[in-house]
Amino acid sequence: MDATLTLRLDGGLRRKLRARAVALKVSEAEVVRQAVSREVNTEPLGKRISGLRGVLRLPRVPDGDSWRKAIRENNWRP
């Protein structure tokens, strides 16, 4: 059963909502429904992001590359 919810937004928040809706090409109501859905989602984070798992493969570069070194030092996987 669908129900109507009325809420009051200050001007700044309403402008941000409208801009977000335009950017996503959906109605303001749809942006609010999606935000509420995300907020009340009770699934554990691990389950929600399970589809995002993967492996980062970097091209071979000299050992002096600080970016690559930082990733290796901070990577939790061996």
N, C-alpha and C. Protein backbone atom coordinates (compact mmCIF):
# COMPACT_ATOMS: atom_id res chain seq x y z
N MET A 1 0.84 -1.18 0.00
CA MET A 1 0.00 0.00 0.00
C MET A 1 0.89 1.25 0.00
N ASP A 2 0.64 2.14 -0.93
CA ASP A 2 1.38 3.40 -0.98
C ASP A 2 0.80 4.38 0.02
N ALA A 3 1.64 5.23 0.54
CA ALA A 3 1.20 6.26 1.48
C ALA A 3 1.92 7.56 1.13
N THR A 4 1.30 8.66 1.48
CA THR A 4 1.87 9.97 1.23
C THR A 4 2.51 10.49 2.50
N LEU A 5 3.69 11.07 2.35
CA LEU A 5 4.40 11.67 3.47
C LEU A 5 4.69 13.11 3.10
N THR A 6 4.33 14.02 3.96
CA THR A 6 4.59 15.44 3.73
C THR A 6 5.73 15.87 4.62
N LEU A 7 6.69 16.60 4.05
CA LEU A 7 7.79 17.09 4.87
C LEU A 7 8.13 18.51 4.46
N ARG A 8 8.77 19.21 5.36
CA ARG A 8 9.14 20.60 5.12
C ARG A 8 10.66 20.69 4.98
N LEU A 9 11.10 21.35 3.92
CA LEU A 9 12.53 21.53 3.68
C LEU A 9 12.84 23.01 3.65
N ASP A 10 14.00 23.39 4.18
CA ASP A 10 14.40 24.80 4.06
C ASP A 10 14.81 25.05 2.61
N GLY A 11 14.92 26.31 2.26
CA GLY A 11 15.19 26.69 0.87
C GLY A 11 16.46 26.09 0.30
N GLY A 12 17.53 26.09 1.09
CA GLY A 12 18.80 25.56 0.61
C GLY A 12 18.74 24.08 0.31
N LEU A 13 18.11 23.33 1.20
CA LEU A 13 17.99 21.89 0.98
C LEU A 13 17.09 21.60 -0.21
N ARG A 14 16.05 22.37 -0.38
CA ARG A 14 15.15 22.17 -1.51
C ARG A 14 15.87 22.42 -2.84
N ARG A 15 16.71 23.47 -2.88
CA ARG A 15 17.47 23.76 -4.11
C ARG A 15 18.42 22.61 -4.43
N LYS A 16 19.07 22.06 -3.39
CA LYS A 16 19.98 20.94 -3.60
C LYS A 16 19.21 19.71 -4.09
N LEU A 17 18.04 19.49 -3.52
CA LEU A 17 17.20 18.36 -3.94
C LEU A 17 16.81 18.52 -5.41
N ARG A 18 16.39 19.69 -5.77
CA ARG A 18 15.97 19.95 -7.16
C ARG A 18 17.15 19.75 -8.11
N ALA A 19 18.32 20.26 -7.73
CA ALA A 19 19.51 20.12 -8.58
C ALA A 19 19.89 18.65 -8.74
N ARG A 20 19.78 17.89 -7.66
CA ARG A 20 20.11 16.46 -7.72
C ARG A 20 19.14 15.73 -8.63
N ALA A 21 17.86 16.06 -8.53
CA ALA A 21 16.85 15.44 -9.36
C ALA A 21 17.10 15.73 -10.84
N VAL A 22 17.46 16.96 -11.13
CA VAL A 22 17.75 17.34 -12.53
C VAL A 22 18.97 16.57 -13.02
N ALA A 23 20.00 16.48 -12.19
CA ALA A 23 21.22 15.78 -12.58
C ALA A 23 20.95 14.29 -12.85
N LEU A 24 20.07 13.69 -12.05
CA LEU A 24 19.76 12.27 -12.21
C LEU A 24 18.64 12.01 -13.22
N LYS A 25 18.00 13.10 -13.67
CA LYS A 25 16.88 13.02 -14.62
C LYS A 25 15.72 12.19 -14.05
N VAL A 26 15.42 12.44 -12.76
CA VAL A 26 14.28 11.81 -12.10
C VAL A 26 13.54 12.90 -11.33
N SER A 27 12.38 12.56 -10.78
CA SER A 27 11.62 13.53 -10.01
C SER A 27 12.26 13.74 -8.64
N GLU A 28 11.91 14.86 -8.01
CA GLU A 28 12.37 15.12 -6.65
C GLU A 28 11.88 14.02 -5.71
N ALA A 29 10.64 13.58 -5.92
CA ALA A 29 10.08 12.52 -5.08
C ALA A 29 10.89 11.24 -5.19
N GLU A 30 11.38 10.93 -6.40
CA GLU A 30 12.17 9.72 -6.58
C GLU A 30 13.51 9.83 -5.86
N VAL A 31 14.12 11.00 -5.88
CA VAL A 31 15.38 11.21 -5.15
C VAL A 31 15.14 10.99 -3.66
N VAL A 32 14.05 11.51 -3.13
CA VAL A 32 13.73 11.34 -1.71
C VAL A 32 13.46 9.87 -1.41
N ARG A 33 12.69 9.18 -2.27
CA ARG A 33 12.41 7.74 -2.04
C ARG A 33 13.70 6.93 -2.00
N GLN A 34 14.62 7.22 -2.93
CA GLN A 34 15.89 6.50 -2.96
C GLN A 34 16.71 6.78 -1.70
N ALA A 35 16.73 8.03 -1.25
CA ALA A 35 17.49 8.40 -0.06
C ALA A 35 16.92 7.72 1.18
N VAL A 36 15.61 7.69 1.31
CA VAL A 36 14.97 7.04 2.45
C VAL A 36 15.24 5.54 2.40
N SER A 37 15.16 4.96 1.23
CA SER A 37 15.42 3.54 1.08
C SER A 37 16.84 3.19 1.52
N ARG A 38 17.81 3.99 1.10
CA ARG A 38 19.20 3.76 1.51
C ARG A 38 19.35 3.90 3.02
N GLU A 39 18.68 4.86 3.60
CA GLU A 39 18.82 5.14 5.03
C GLU A 39 18.25 4.02 5.89
N VAL A 40 17.16 3.42 5.46
CA VAL A 40 16.52 2.39 6.29
C VAL A 40 16.94 0.98 5.90
N ASN A 41 17.82 0.85 4.92
CA ASN A 41 18.32 -0.46 4.51
C ASN A 41 19.05 -1.10 5.68
N THR A 42 18.63 -2.30 6.05
CA THR A 42 19.20 -2.95 7.23
C THR A 42 20.22 -4.03 6.88
N GLU A 43 20.53 -4.21 5.60
CA GLU A 43 21.52 -5.22 5.23
C GLU A 43 22.90 -4.80 5.71
N PRO A 44 23.70 -5.73 6.16
CA PRO A 44 25.06 -5.39 6.57
C PRO A 44 25.86 -4.81 5.40
N LEU A 45 26.80 -3.95 5.71
CA LEU A 45 27.60 -3.31 4.67
C LEU A 45 28.28 -4.34 3.78
N GLY A 46 28.82 -5.40 4.37
CA GLY A 46 29.50 -6.43 3.58
C GLY A 46 28.61 -7.03 2.51
N LYS A 47 27.35 -7.22 2.84
CA LYS A 47 26.42 -7.80 1.86
C LYS A 47 26.08 -6.78 0.78
N ARG A 48 25.91 -5.51 1.19
CA ARG A 48 25.55 -4.48 0.21
C ARG A 48 26.66 -4.22 -0.80
N ILE A 49 27.91 -4.37 -0.40
CA ILE A 49 29.02 -4.08 -1.32
C ILE A 49 29.66 -5.33 -1.89
N SER A 50 29.06 -6.49 -1.65
CA SER A 50 29.68 -7.75 -2.09
C SER A 50 29.94 -7.78 -3.59
N GLY A 51 29.13 -7.13 -4.38
CA GLY A 51 29.32 -7.12 -5.82
C GLY A 51 30.46 -6.23 -6.27
N LEU A 52 31.04 -5.46 -5.37
CA LEU A 52 32.11 -4.54 -5.73
C LEU A 52 33.50 -5.13 -5.55
N ARG A 53 33.58 -6.35 -5.04
CA ARG A 53 34.89 -6.97 -4.83
C ARG A 53 35.62 -7.16 -6.14
N GLY A 54 36.93 -7.05 -6.07
CA GLY A 54 37.72 -7.24 -7.28
C GLY A 54 39.20 -7.17 -6.99
N VAL A 55 39.97 -7.19 -8.03
CA VAL A 55 41.42 -7.16 -7.91
C VAL A 55 41.92 -6.02 -8.77
N LEU A 56 42.83 -5.26 -8.21
CA LEU A 56 43.45 -4.16 -8.94
C LEU A 56 44.79 -4.64 -9.48
N ARG A 57 44.92 -4.69 -10.78
CA ARG A 57 46.17 -5.09 -11.40
C ARG A 57 46.81 -3.85 -12.03
N LEU A 58 48.02 -3.55 -11.57
CA LEU A 58 48.72 -2.38 -12.07
C LEU A 58 49.81 -2.81 -13.04
N PRO A 59 50.07 -2.00 -14.04
CA PRO A 59 51.16 -2.33 -14.97
C PRO A 59 52.49 -2.25 -14.24
N ARG A 60 53.46 -3.00 -14.72
CA ARG A 60 54.80 -2.99 -14.13
C ARG A 60 55.44 -1.62 -14.35
N VAL A 61 55.92 -1.04 -13.27
CA VAL A 61 56.62 0.25 -13.35
C VAL A 61 57.84 0.16 -12.45
N PRO A 62 58.77 1.08 -12.58
CA PRO A 62 59.96 1.05 -11.72
C PRO A 62 59.59 1.06 -10.24
N ASP A 63 60.41 0.42 -9.40
CA ASP A 63 60.16 0.34 -7.97
C ASP A 63 60.11 1.70 -7.29
N GLY A 64 60.67 2.70 -7.90
CA GLY A 64 60.69 4.03 -7.32
C GLY A 64 59.35 4.76 -7.40
N ASP A 65 58.35 4.14 -8.04
CA ASP A 65 57.05 4.78 -8.20
C ASP A 65 56.34 4.85 -6.86
N SER A 66 56.22 6.05 -6.28
CA SER A 66 55.67 6.21 -4.94
C SER A 66 54.18 5.85 -4.87
N TRP A 67 53.42 6.08 -5.94
CA TRP A 67 52.00 5.76 -5.94
C TRP A 67 51.79 4.26 -5.80
N ARG A 68 52.53 3.50 -6.60
CA ARG A 68 52.43 2.03 -6.55
C ARG A 68 52.89 1.52 -5.19
N LYS A 69 53.97 2.08 -4.66
CA LYS A 69 54.50 1.67 -3.37
C LYS A 69 53.46 1.92 -2.27
N ALA A 70 52.81 3.06 -2.30
CA ALA A 70 51.80 3.39 -1.29
C ALA A 70 50.64 2.40 -1.34
N ILE A 71 50.21 2.03 -2.52
CA ILE A 71 49.12 1.06 -2.65
C ILE A 71 49.55 -0.27 -2.07
N ARG A 72 50.74 -0.72 -2.40
CA ARG A 72 51.22 -2.01 -1.89
C ARG A 72 51.34 -2.00 -0.36
N GLU A 73 51.83 -0.91 0.21
CA GLU A 73 52.01 -0.82 1.65
C GLU A 73 50.68 -0.76 2.40
N ASN A 74 49.65 -0.21 1.78
CA ASN A 74 48.35 -0.04 2.44
C ASN A 74 47.32 -1.08 2.04
N ASN A 75 47.71 -2.02 1.18
CA ASN A 75 46.78 -3.03 0.72
C ASN A 75 46.65 -4.09 1.82
N TRP A 76 45.44 -4.44 2.20
CA TRP A 76 45.23 -5.42 3.27
C TRP A 76 45.40 -6.84 2.78
N ARG A 77 45.46 -7.04 1.48
CA ARG A 77 45.69 -8.39 0.94
C ARG A 77 47.16 -8.57 0.61
N PRO A 78 47.68 -9.77 0.78
CA PRO A 78 49.08 -10.02 0.44
C PRO A 78 49.32 -9.98 -1.06
